[in-house]
Structures are given as C-alpha cells and as structure tokens.
C-alpha atoms as a PDB file:
ATOM      1  CA  UNK A   1     182.722 -27.417-110.918  1.00  0.00           C
ATOM      2  CA  UNK A   2     183.499 -31.085-110.256  1.00  0.00           C
ATOM      3  CA  UNK A   3     181.772 -32.874-107.399  1.00  0.00           C
ATOM      4  CA  UNK A   4     182.697 -36.321-106.083  1.00  0.00           C
ATOM      5  CA  UNK A   5     180.402 -38.695-104.226  1.00  0.00           C
ATOM      6  CA  UNK A   6     182.035 -41.276-101.964  1.00  0.00           C
ATOM      7  CA  UNK A   7     181.132 -43.494 -99.002  1.00  0.00           C
ATOM      8  CA  UNK A   8     183.778 -41.902 -96.776  1.00  0.00           C
ATOM      9  CA  UNK A   9     184.740 -38.249 -96.894  1.00  0.00           C
ATOM     10  CA  UNK A  10     187.883 -37.478 -98.850  1.00  0.00           C
ATOM     11  CA  UNK A  11     190.348 -35.580 -96.628  1.00  0.00           C
ATOM     12  CA  UNK A  12     189.922 -31.858 -97.111  1.00  0.00           C
ATOM     13  CA  UNK A  13     192.655 -29.872 -98.772  1.00  0.00           C
ATOM     14  CA  UNK A  14     192.586 -26.108 -99.175  1.00  0.00           C
ATOM     15  CA  UNK A  15     193.434 -24.503-102.516  1.00  0.00           C
ATOM     16  CA  UNK A  16     196.378 -22.122-102.225  1.00  0.00           C
ATOM     17  CA  UNK A  17     196.926 -19.395-104.795  1.00  0.00           C
ATOM     18  CA  UNK A  18     200.704 -19.405-104.217  1.00  0.00           C
ATOM     19  CA  UNK A  19     200.951 -23.198-104.592  1.00  0.00           C
ATOM     20  CA  UNK A  20     198.113 -24.275-106.899  1.00  0.00           C
ATOM     21  CA  UNK A  21     197.147 -27.920-106.600  1.00  0.00           C
ATOM     22  CA  UNK A  22     193.860 -29.749-106.518  1.00  0.00           C
ATOM     23  CA  UNK A  23     191.667 -29.101-103.509  1.00  0.00           C
ATOM     24  CA  UNK A  24     188.849 -30.842-101.682  1.00  0.00           C
ATOM     25  CA  UNK A  25     186.223 -28.801 -99.866  1.00  0.00           C
ATOM     26  CA  UNK A  26     182.965 -29.478 -98.097  1.00  0.00           C
ATOM     27  CA  UNK A  27     179.665 -28.379 -99.555  1.00  0.00           C
ATOM     28  CA  UNK A  28     178.341 -25.015 -98.463  1.00  0.00           C
ATOM     29  CA  UNK A  29     174.762 -23.890 -98.018  1.00  0.00           C
ATOM     30  CA  UNK A  30     174.984 -22.489-101.570  1.00  0.00           C
ATOM     31  CA  UNK A  31     175.895 -25.742-103.349  1.00  0.00           C
ATOM     32  CA  UNK A  32     174.267 -28.275-100.970  1.00  0.00           C
ATOM     33  CA  UNK A  33     171.498 -28.938-103.540  1.00  0.00           C
ATOM     34  CA  UNK A  34     174.035 -30.878-105.649  1.00  0.00           C
ATOM     35  CA  UNK A  35     173.837 -33.712-103.114  1.00  0.00           C
ATOM     36  CA  UNK A  36     170.411 -34.736-104.468  1.00  0.00           C
ATOM     37  CA  UNK A  37     172.073 -36.203-107.581  1.00  0.00           C
ATOM     38  CA  UNK A  38     174.367 -38.580-105.676  1.00  0.00           C
ATOM     39  CA  UNK A  39     173.725 -41.995-104.143  1.00  0.00           C
ATOM     40  CA  UNK A  40     176.936 -42.001-102.104  1.00  0.00           C
ATOM     41  CA  UNK A  41     176.497 -40.227 -98.745  1.00  0.00           C
ATOM     42  CA  UNK A  42     179.598 -37.995 -98.873  1.00  0.00           C
ATOM     43  CA  UNK A  43     179.717 -35.295-101.550  1.00  0.00           C
ATOM     44  CA  UNK A  44     182.612 -32.892-101.846  1.00  0.00           C
ATOM     45  CA  UNK A  45     183.814 -30.267-104.290  1.00  0.00           C
ATOM     46  CA  UNK A  46     187.078 -31.122-106.065  1.00  0.00           C
ATOM     47  CA  UNK A  47     188.978 -28.112-107.347  1.00  0.00           C
ATOM     48  CA  UNK A  48     191.674 -28.192-110.011  1.00  0.00           C
ATOM     49  CA  UNK A  49     194.880 -26.151-110.058  1.00  0.00           C
ATOM     50  CA  UNK A  50     192.789 -23.141-111.131  1.00  0.00           C
ATOM     51  CA  UNK A  51     190.755 -23.367-107.908  1.00  0.00           C
ATOM     52  CA  UNK A  52     187.555 -24.381-109.688  1.00  0.00           C
ATOM     53  CA  UNK A  53     187.110 -27.355-112.030  1.00  0.00           C
ATOM     54  CA  UNK A  54     188.306 -25.538-115.148  1.00  0.00           C
ATOM     55  CA  UNK A  55     191.671 -27.279-115.375  1.00  0.00           C
ATOM     56  CA  UNK A  56     190.282 -30.810-115.272  1.00  0.00           C
ATOM     57  CA  UNK A  57     190.045 -32.254-118.805  1.00  0.00           C
ATOM     58  CA  UNK A  58     186.580 -31.271-120.013  1.00  0.00           C
ATOM     59  CA  UNK A  59     184.330 -29.991-122.754  1.00  0.00           C
ATOM     60  CA  UNK A  60     181.450 -27.611-122.120  1.00  0.00           C
ATOM     61  CA  UNK A  61     177.989 -28.055-123.518  1.00  0.00           C
ATOM     62  CA  UNK A  62     177.409 -25.708-126.470  1.00  0.00           C
ATOM     63  CA  UNK A  63     174.036 -25.468-128.191  1.00  0.00           C
ATOM     64  CA  UNK A  64     173.050 -28.814-126.682  1.00  0.00           C
ATOM     65  CA  UNK A  65     176.191 -30.640-127.877  1.00  0.00           C
ATOM     66  CA  UNK A  66     179.684 -31.328-126.620  1.00  0.00           C
ATOM     67  CA  UNK A  67     182.227 -29.984-129.104  1.00  0.00           C
ATOM     68  CA  UNK A  68     185.449 -31.660-130.064  1.00  0.00           C
ATOM     69  CA  UNK A  69     188.600 -30.580-128.261  1.00  0.00           C
ATOM     70  CA  UNK A  70     191.704 -29.249-130.003  1.00  0.00           C
ATOM     71  CA  UNK A  71     194.404 -31.633-128.780  1.00  0.00           C
ATOM     72  CA  UNK A  72     196.969 -29.538-130.697  1.00  0.00           C
ATOM     73  CA  UNK A  73     196.791 -26.935-127.897  1.00  0.00           C
ATOM     74  CA  UNK A  74     199.906 -28.282-126.140  1.00  0.00           C
ATOM     75  CA  UNK A  75     199.684 -25.932-123.151  1.00  0.00           C
ATOM     76  CA  UNK A  76     196.038 -26.844-122.414  1.00  0.00           C
ATOM     77  CA  UNK A  77     196.751 -30.561-122.930  1.00  0.00           C
ATOM     78  CA  UNK A  78     199.626 -30.327-120.416  1.00  0.00           C
ATOM     79  CA  UNK A  79     197.423 -28.577-117.817  1.00  0.00           C
ATOM     80  CA  UNK A  80     194.679 -31.172-118.361  1.00  0.00           C
ATOM     81  CA  UNK A  81     197.254 -33.967-117.971  1.00  0.00           C
ATOM     82  CA  UNK A  82     198.633 -32.556-114.723  1.00  0.00           C
ATOM     83  CA  UNK A  83     195.135 -32.244-113.250  1.00  0.00           C
ATOM     84  CA  UNK A  84     194.040 -35.650-114.590  1.00  0.00           C
ATOM     85  CA  UNK A  85     196.970 -37.310-112.816  1.00  0.00           C
ATOM     86  CA  UNK A  86     196.374 -35.401-109.570  1.00  0.00           C
ATOM     87  CA  UNK A  87     192.666 -36.306-109.643  1.00  0.00           C
ATOM     88  CA  UNK A  88     193.491 -39.959-110.318  1.00  0.00           C
ATOM     89  CA  UNK A  89     195.896 -40.011-107.359  1.00  0.00           C
ATOM     90  CA  UNK A  90     193.307 -38.393-105.099  1.00  0.00           C
ATOM     91  CA  UNK A  91     190.600 -40.861-106.117  1.00  0.00           C
ATOM     92  CA  UNK A  92     192.956 -43.845-105.902  1.00  0.00           C
ATOM     93  CA  UNK A  93     193.914 -42.823-102.365  1.00  0.00           C
ATOM     94  CA  UNK A  94     190.234 -42.539-101.395  1.00  0.00           C
ATOM     95  CA  UNK A  95     190.066 -46.352-101.491  1.00  0.00           C
ATOM     96  CA  UNK A  96     186.488 -46.423-102.806  1.00  0.00           C
ATOM     97  CA  UNK A  97     184.994 -49.162-104.982  1.00  0.00           C
ATOM     98  CA  UNK A  98     182.828 -46.703-106.928  1.00  0.00           C
ATOM     99  CA  UNK A  99     183.166 -42.937-107.051  1.00  0.00           C
ATOM    100  CA  UNK A 100     180.513 -40.672-108.506  1.00  0.00           C
ATOM    101  CA  UNK A 101     181.651 -37.568-110.408  1.00  0.00           C
ATOM    102  CA  UNK A 102     179.446 -34.783-111.720  1.00  0.00           C
ATOM    103  CA  UNK A 103     180.689 -31.628-113.426  1.00  0.00           C
ATOM    104  CA  UNK A 104     178.559 -28.584-114.137  1.00  0.00           C
ATOM    105  CA  UNK A 105     178.575 -24.794-114.025  1.00  0.00           C
ATOM    106  CA  UNK A 106     178.544 -23.139-110.600  1.00  0.00           C
ATOM    107  CA  UNK A 107     174.962 -22.305-109.665  1.00  0.00           C
ATOM    108  CA  UNK A 108     173.337 -25.017-111.798  1.00  0.00           C
ATOM    109  CA  UNK A 109     173.157 -27.444-108.879  1.00  0.00           C
ATOM    110  CA  UNK A 110     169.545 -28.510-109.455  1.00  0.00           C
ATOM    111  CA  UNK A 111     170.136 -29.328-113.141  1.00  0.00           C
ATOM    112  CA  UNK A 112     169.589 -32.996-113.805  1.00  0.00           C
ATOM    113  CA  UNK A 113     172.391 -34.832-115.590  1.00  0.00           C
ATOM    114  CA  UNK A 114     171.910 -35.067-119.354  1.00  0.00           C
ATOM    115  CA  UNK A 115     173.493 -38.512-119.353  1.00  0.00           C
ATOM    116  CA  UNK A 116     174.936 -41.144-117.057  1.00  0.00           C
ATOM    117  CA  UNK A 117     178.107 -43.001-117.883  1.00  0.00           C
ATOM    118  CA  UNK A 118     179.800 -45.906-116.138  1.00  0.00           C
ATOM    119  CA  UNK A 119     183.535 -45.916-116.767  1.00  0.00           C
ATOM    120  CA  UNK A 120     186.469 -47.900-115.408  1.00  0.00           C
ATOM    121  CA  UNK A 121     189.058 -45.936-113.472  1.00  0.00           C
ATOM    122  CA  UNK A 122     191.566 -46.601-116.276  1.00  0.00           C
ATOM    123  CA  UNK A 123     189.421 -44.605-118.734  1.00  0.00           C
ATOM    124  CA  UNK A 124     190.055 -41.407-116.773  1.00  0.00           C
ATOM    125  CA  UNK A 125     193.797 -41.896-117.245  1.00  0.00           C
ATOM    126  CA  UNK A 126     193.609 -41.936-121.047  1.00  0.00           C
ATOM    127  CA  UNK A 127     195.098 -38.754-122.563  1.00  0.00           C
ATOM    128  CA  UNK A 128     192.000 -38.250-124.743  1.00  0.00           C
ATOM    129  CA  UNK A 129     189.473 -38.567-121.908  1.00  0.00           C
ATOM    130  CA  UNK A 130     187.410 -35.431-121.303  1.00  0.00           C
ATOM    131  CA  UNK A 131     184.661 -34.935-118.743  1.00  0.00           C
ATOM    132  CA  UNK A 132     181.501 -33.744-120.434  1.00  0.00           C
ATOM    133  CA  UNK A 133     179.559 -30.992-118.732  1.00  0.00           C
ATOM    134  CA  UNK A 134     176.352 -32.290-117.108  1.00  0.00           C
ATOM    135  CA  UNK A 135     177.290 -35.962-117.502  1.00  0.00           C
ATOM    136  CA  UNK A 136     177.186 -37.974-114.287  1.00  0.00           C
ATOM    137  CA  UNK A 137     180.042 -40.494-114.131  1.00  0.00           C
ATOM    138  CA  UNK A 138     180.199 -43.619-112.002  1.00  0.00           C
ATOM    139  CA  UNK A 139     183.868 -44.542-111.900  1.00  0.00           C
ATOM    140  CA  UNK A 140     184.524 -48.169-111.082  1.00  0.00           C
ATOM    141  CA  UNK A 141     187.693 -48.585-109.098  1.00  0.00           C
ATOM    142  CA  UNK A 142     187.657 -52.399-109.084  1.00  0.00           C
ATOM    143  CA  UNK A 143     190.970 -52.585-110.897  1.00  0.00           C
ATOM    144  CA  UNK A 144     192.642 -49.355-109.817  1.00  0.00           C
ATOM    145  CA  UNK A 145     196.396 -49.531-110.396  1.00  0.00           C
ATOM    146  CA  UNK A 146     198.527 -48.830-107.350  1.00  0.00           C
END
C-alpha cells in the first residue's frame, strides 16, 4: 500500500475495475494508524492500476533486505512505468512543496519505517527508481517540471 502525506487533501478518485487507473481514497478506521508516521496533516491512500499499490515500481523486503529487480521483465517494467507516470502527474497536480510517501503491506500500519529518504521529484521519474517497502520518502517538489 502507498500512502501520501500532503498539506491539502488530494482530490479523491475511485478505482474502477473496468477502467483501471490510479486512485486516491481517504483513510478508514482500519488504516488510520498510518497517520502517526506523517508530519503533513492530510494522509491518503494512493492505489495503482491494480487497485492496491502493487503496480507502483517497488521492491519488497525479503529476509531484512531489498532484493534487486529484474529489469528484463518487459511487461512488469511497462506496468511500473505507466503507474510511475500517473503517480508523478497526480503529485505534480497536488501543488505541494514536499510530499511524504510511505509504502508497506496492508495491516502493518504501526510498523516504523526502516529508513527515511529525501529525494527530489525528478528521482521518481527515473526508469530505475523503485520504492522500497517500509522506507519513508520525503519528495521535494521544489523543481517539479510542468
């Protein structure tokens, strides 16, 4: 799951099975505990084209480490690219100076981040960028391209 912390709420967008796109939903009673990790007042769940965060470019923690990703998997790379671009557009349109992003497994809301990383917005657009599970990202949008 990928959560975004912002100063102003990002407009909500429902995920539709017949027209998969990224979605933005409010926190529920079940995942409200995630808010404790964020400094920004608005926290929302960002879904990928799969409905959850699975189609955002990522690697999952395995035995305490983040494995390498097989960039030869052309289909997966294409799905990651589509979702990366849609996420970048969504965040660009939010008009925020800094956006907080935290990805983790559903239900692990109280888990503290294993690491914190400050990245420029441009880094997210790189084809080799992958979100790491349980890493809390502060994305600086100072020089966001229009």
